[in-house]
PDB file of N, CA and C in Angstrom:
ATOM      1  N   MET A   1     -12.530  28.170 -22.166  1.00  0.00           N
ATOM      2  CA  MET A   1     -11.916  26.703 -21.684  1.00  0.00           C
ATOM      3  C   MET A   1     -11.224  26.613 -20.398  1.00  0.00           C
ATOM      4  N   TYR A   2     -10.389  27.737 -20.346  1.00  0.00           N
ATOM      5  CA  TYR A   2      -9.671  27.814 -19.054  1.00  0.00           C
ATOM      6  C   TYR A   2     -10.395  28.489 -17.810  1.00  0.00           C
ATOM      7  N   LEU A   3     -11.536  28.664 -17.772  1.00  0.00           N
ATOM      8  CA  LEU A   3     -12.769  29.281 -16.764  1.00  0.00           C
ATOM      9  C   LEU A   3     -12.862  28.341 -15.782  1.00  0.00           C
ATOM     10  N   VAL A   4     -12.972  26.877 -16.131  1.00  0.00           N
ATOM     11  CA  VAL A   4     -13.172  26.082 -14.912  1.00  0.00           C
ATOM     12  C   VAL A   4     -12.006  25.235 -14.491  1.00  0.00           C
ATOM     13  N   ARG A   5     -11.429  25.614 -13.381  1.00  0.00           N
ATOM     14  CA  ARG A   5     -10.269  25.718 -12.792  1.00  0.00           C
ATOM     15  C   ARG A   5     -10.706  24.774 -11.339  1.00  0.00           C
ATOM     16  N   VAL A   6      -9.506  23.463 -11.289  1.00  0.00           N
ATOM     17  CA  VAL A   6      -9.417  23.209  -9.468  1.00  0.00           C
ATOM     18  C   VAL A   6      -8.057  23.082  -9.438  1.00  0.00           C
ATOM     19  N   PHE A   7      -7.738  24.117  -8.360  1.00  0.00           N
ATOM     20  CA  PHE A   7      -6.374  24.958  -8.096  1.00  0.00           C
ATOM     21  C   PHE A   7      -5.894  25.401  -9.147  1.00  0.00           C
ATOM     22  N   TRP A   8      -4.575  24.722  -9.437  1.00  0.00           N
ATOM     23  CA  TRP A   8      -4.171  25.279 -11.067  1.00  0.00           C
ATOM     24  C   TRP A   8      -4.311  24.404 -12.192  1.00  0.00           C
ATOM     25  N   ILE A   9      -5.311  23.380 -11.958  1.00  0.00           N
ATOM     26  CA  ILE A   9      -5.601  22.692 -12.928  1.00  0.00           C
ATOM     27  C   ILE A   9      -6.994  22.860 -13.860  1.00  0.00           C
ATOM     28  N   PRO A  10      -6.585  23.412 -15.358  1.00  0.00           N
ATOM     29  CA  PRO A  10      -7.512  23.418 -16.326  1.00  0.00           C
ATOM     30  C   PRO A  10      -8.610  22.257 -16.715  1.00  0.00           C
ATOM     31  N   VAL A  11      -9.498  22.264 -16.158  1.00  0.00           N
ATOM     32  CA  VAL A  11     -10.511  21.037 -16.098  1.00  0.00           C
ATOM     33  C   VAL A  11     -10.679  20.629 -17.434  1.00  0.00           C
ATOM     34  N   ILE A  12     -11.308  21.502 -18.473  1.00  0.00           N
ATOM     35  CA  ILE A  12     -11.718  20.841 -19.585  1.00  0.00           C
ATOM     36  C   ILE A  12     -10.760  20.405 -20.635  1.00  0.00           C
ATOM     37  N   PRO A  13      -9.438  21.172 -20.633  1.00  0.00           N
ATOM     38  CA  PRO A  13      -8.575  20.562 -21.733  1.00  0.00           C
ATOM     39  C   PRO A  13      -7.934  19.233 -21.020  1.00  0.00           C
ATOM     40  N   VAL A  14      -7.976  18.901 -19.695  1.00  0.00           N
ATOM     41  CA  VAL A  14      -7.300  17.777 -19.185  1.00  0.00           C
ATOM     42  C   VAL A  14      -8.513  16.505 -19.446  1.00  0.00           C
ATOM     43  N   ILE A  15      -9.647  17.120 -19.287  1.00  0.00           N
ATOM     44  CA  ILE A  15     -10.593  15.860 -19.675  1.00  0.00           C
ATOM     45  C   ILE A  15     -10.509  15.734 -21.262  1.00  0.00           C
ATOM     46  N   ILE A  16     -10.316  16.419 -22.213  1.00  0.00           N
ATOM     47  CA  ILE A  16      -9.984  16.482 -23.710  1.00  0.00           C
ATOM     48  C   ILE A  16      -8.727  15.873 -24.051  1.00  0.00           C
ATOM     49  N   LEU A  17      -7.763  16.006 -23.050  1.00  0.00           N
ATOM     50  CA  LEU A  17      -6.526  15.203 -23.317  1.00  0.00           C
ATOM     51  C   LEU A  17      -6.745  13.562 -22.903  1.00  0.00           C
ATOM     52  N   GLY A  18      -7.640  13.408 -21.734  1.00  0.00           N
ATOM     53  CA  GLY A  18      -8.029  11.879 -21.452  1.00  0.00           C
ATOM     54  C   GLY A  18      -8.450  11.285 -22.753  1.00  0.00           C
ATOM     55  N   ALA A  19      -9.395  11.848 -23.567  1.00  0.00           N
ATOM     56  CA  ALA A  19     -10.098  11.452 -24.312  1.00  0.00           C
ATOM     57  C   ALA A  19      -9.096  11.096 -25.678  1.00  0.00           C
ATOM     58  N   PHE A  20      -8.291  11.695 -25.823  1.00  0.00           N
ATOM     59  CA  PHE A  20      -7.355  11.744 -26.883  1.00  0.00           C
ATOM     60  C   PHE A  20      -6.468  10.967 -26.302  1.00  0.00           C
ATOM     61  N   GLY A  21      -6.196  10.295 -25.123  1.00  0.00           N
ATOM     62  CA  GLY A  21      -5.485   9.360 -25.005  1.00  0.00           C
ATOM     63  C   GLY A  21      -5.925   8.156 -25.205  1.00  0.00           C
ATOM     64  N   THR A  22      -7.280   7.940 -24.955  1.00  0.00           N
ATOM     65  CA  THR A  22      -8.450   6.504 -25.303  1.00  0.00           C
ATOM     66  C   THR A  22      -8.342   6.522 -26.589  1.00  0.00           C
ATOM     67  N   LEU A  23      -8.337   7.428 -27.571  1.00  0.00           N
ATOM     68  CA  LEU A  23      -8.415   7.313 -28.916  1.00  0.00           C
ATOM     69  C   LEU A  23      -7.133   6.902 -29.501  1.00  0.00           C
ATOM     70  N   MET A  24      -5.878   7.353 -28.982  1.00  0.00           N
ATOM     71  CA  MET A  24      -4.615   6.885 -28.928  1.00  0.00           C
ATOM     72  C   MET A  24      -4.308   5.495 -28.855  1.00  0.00           C
ATOM     73  N   SER A  25      -5.084   5.002 -27.785  1.00  0.00           N
ATOM     74  CA  SER A  25      -4.656   3.588 -27.378  1.00  0.00           C
ATOM     75  C   SER A  25      -5.276   2.744 -28.283  1.00  0.00           C
ATOM     76  N   ARG A  26      -6.651   2.912 -29.056  1.00  0.00           N
ATOM     77  CA  ARG A  26      -6.925   2.320 -30.080  1.00  0.00           C
ATOM     78  C   ARG A  26      -6.241   2.153 -31.203  1.00  0.00           C
ATOM     79  N   TYR A  27      -5.617   3.234 -31.535  1.00  0.00           N
ATOM     80  CA  TYR A  27      -4.492   3.338 -32.749  1.00  0.00           C
ATOM     81  C   TYR A  27      -3.364   2.586 -32.605  1.00  0.00           C
ATOM     82  N   PHE A  28      -2.857   2.555 -31.216  1.00  0.00           N
ATOM     83  CA  PHE A  28      -1.553   1.894 -30.999  1.00  0.00           C
ATOM     84  C   PHE A  28      -2.168   0.230 -30.497  1.00  0.00           C
ATOM     85  N   ARG A  29      -3.252   0.168 -30.273  1.00  0.00           N
ATOM     86  CA  ARG A  29      -3.453  -0.997 -29.762  1.00  0.00           C
ATOM     87  C   ARG A  29      -3.059  -1.114 -28.158  1.00  0.00           C
ATOM     88  N   GLY A  30      -3.525  -0.338 -27.487  1.00  0.00           N
ATOM     89  CA  GLY A  30      -2.708  -0.427 -26.243  1.00  0.00           C
ATOM     90  C   GLY A  30      -4.188  -0.642 -25.283  1.00  0.00           C
ATOM     91  N   ASN A  31      -3.784  -0.330 -23.911  1.00  0.00           N
ATOM     92  CA  ASN A  31      -4.565  -0.406 -22.857  1.00  0.00           C
ATOM     93  C   ASN A  31      -5.313   0.951 -22.877  1.00  0.00           C
ATOM     94  N   ALA A  32      -6.523   1.160 -22.818  1.00  0.00           N
ATOM     95  CA  ALA A  32      -7.326   2.251 -23.123  1.00  0.00           C
ATOM     96  C   ALA A  32      -7.342   3.064 -21.547  1.00  0.00           C
ATOM     97  N   VAL A  33      -7.259   2.426 -20.430  1.00  0.00           N
ATOM     98  CA  VAL A  33      -7.224   3.072 -19.205  1.00  0.00           C
ATOM     99  C   VAL A  33      -5.731   3.607 -18.999  1.00  0.00           C
ATOM    100  N   LEU A  34      -4.916   2.777 -19.303  1.00  0.00           N
ATOM    101  CA  LEU A  34      -3.526   3.402 -18.676  1.00  0.00           C
ATOM    102  C   LEU A  34      -3.193   4.428 -19.806  1.00  0.00           C
ATOM    103  N   TRP A  35      -3.665   4.268 -20.858  1.00  0.00           N
ATOM    104  CA  TRP A  35      -3.368   5.806 -22.008  1.00  0.00           C
ATOM    105  C   TRP A  35      -4.241   6.858 -21.568  1.00  0.00           C
ATOM    106  N   LEU A  36      -5.606   6.455 -21.040  1.00  0.00           N
ATOM    107  CA  LEU A  36      -6.481   7.724 -20.300  1.00  0.00           C
ATOM    108  C   LEU A  36      -5.640   8.325 -18.954  1.00  0.00           C
ATOM    109  N   VAL A  37      -5.019   7.767 -18.058  1.00  0.00           N
ATOM    110  CA  VAL A  37      -4.399   7.985 -16.920  1.00  0.00           C
ATOM    111  C   VAL A  37      -3.151   8.792 -17.360  1.00  0.00           C
ATOM    112  N   LEU A  38      -2.300   8.012 -18.096  1.00  0.00           N
ATOM    113  CA  LEU A  38      -0.991   8.693 -18.462  1.00  0.00           C
ATOM    114  C   LEU A  38      -1.401   9.949 -19.112  1.00  0.00           C
ATOM    115  N   TYR A  39      -2.310  10.097 -20.153  1.00  0.00           N
ATOM    116  CA  TYR A  39      -2.568  11.861 -20.642  1.00  0.00           C
ATOM    117  C   TYR A  39      -2.865  12.656 -19.714  1.00  0.00           C
ATOM    118  N   VAL A  40      -4.140  12.192 -18.639  1.00  0.00           N
ATOM    119  CA  VAL A  40      -4.347  13.008 -17.582  1.00  0.00           C
ATOM    120  C   VAL A  40      -3.292  13.473 -16.847  1.00  0.00           C
ATOM    121  N   ILE A  41      -2.430  12.523 -16.290  1.00  0.00           N
ATOM    122  CA  ILE A  41      -1.503  12.976 -15.570  1.00  0.00           C
ATOM    123  C   ILE A  41      -0.554  14.045 -16.196  1.00  0.00           C
ATOM    124  N   LEU A  42      -0.060  13.663 -17.512  1.00  0.00           N
ATOM    125  CA  LEU A  42       0.690  14.668 -18.289  1.00  0.00           C
ATOM    126  C   LEU A  42       0.325  15.779 -18.367  1.00  0.00           C
ATOM    127  N   GLY A  43      -0.927  15.930 -18.548  1.00  0.00           N
ATOM    128  CA  GLY A  43      -1.987  17.566 -18.831  1.00  0.00           C
ATOM    129  C   GLY A  43      -1.719  17.849 -17.564  1.00  0.00           C
ATOM    130  N   ILE A  44      -2.119  17.451 -16.078  1.00  0.00           N
ATOM    131  CA  ILE A  44      -1.794  18.063 -15.014  1.00  0.00           C
ATOM    132  C   ILE A  44      -0.315  18.525 -14.648  1.00  0.00           C
ATOM    133  N   ALA A  45       0.575  17.804 -14.932  1.00  0.00           N
ATOM    134  CA  ALA A  45       2.329  18.094 -14.763  1.00  0.00           C
ATOM    135  C   ALA A  45       2.397  19.440 -15.585  1.00  0.00           C
ATOM    136  N   MET A  46       1.697  19.228 -16.885  1.00  0.00           N
ATOM    137  CA  MET A  46       2.445  20.368 -17.496  1.00  0.00           C
ATOM    138  C   MET A  46       1.623  21.674 -16.908  1.00  0.00           C
ATOM    139  N   SER A  47       0.351  21.587 -16.906  1.00  0.00           N
ATOM    140  CA  SER A  47      -0.174  22.817 -16.123  1.00  0.00           C
ATOM    141  C   SER A  47       0.207  23.356 -14.730  1.00  0.00           C
ATOM    142  N   PHE A  48       0.918  22.319 -14.163  1.00  0.00           N
ATOM    143  CA  PHE A  48       1.841  22.875 -13.004  1.00  0.00           C
ATOM    144  C   PHE A  48       2.800  23.378 -13.302  1.00  0.00           C
ATOM    145  N   ILE A  49       3.570  22.915 -14.346  1.00  0.00           N
ATOM    146  CA  ILE A  49       4.705  23.597 -14.753  1.00  0.00           C
ATOM    147  C   ILE A  49       4.564  24.978 -15.128  1.00  0.00           C
ATOM    148  N   GLY A  50       3.378  24.996 -15.886  1.00  0.00           N
ATOM    149  CA  GLY A  50       3.023  26.098 -17.048  1.00  0.00           C
ATOM    150  C   GLY A  50       2.601  27.367 -15.639  1.00  0.00           C
ATOM    151  N   THR A  51       2.344  27.112 -14.735  1.00  0.00           N
ATOM    152  CA  THR A  51       2.018  28.263 -13.629  1.00  0.00           C
ATOM    153  C   THR A  51       3.049  28.556 -13.110  1.00  0.00           C
ATOM    154  N   ILE A  52       4.381  27.871 -12.942  1.00  0.00           N
ATOM    155  CA  ILE A  52       5.473  28.008 -12.449  1.00  0.00           C
ATOM    156  C   ILE A  52       6.242  28.950 -13.363  1.00  0.00           C
ATOM    157  N   VAL A  53       6.451  28.598 -14.573  1.00  0.00           N
ATOM    158  CA  VAL A  53       7.307  29.329 -15.532  1.00  0.00           C
ATOM    159  C   VAL A  53       6.758  30.455 -15.855  1.00  0.00           C
TER     160      VAL A  53
END
């Protein structure tokens, strides 16, 4: 799962987080694009913090 990387970003888990964000937007009746972008950005940020720590 972590074999496909671009710089420090594991691609597959970040894509899965984006899909999870769109599902959460349906549950909370929010904007799907906003939730997708938010979860992808959070996944990238957490992977960057994980490489530092």
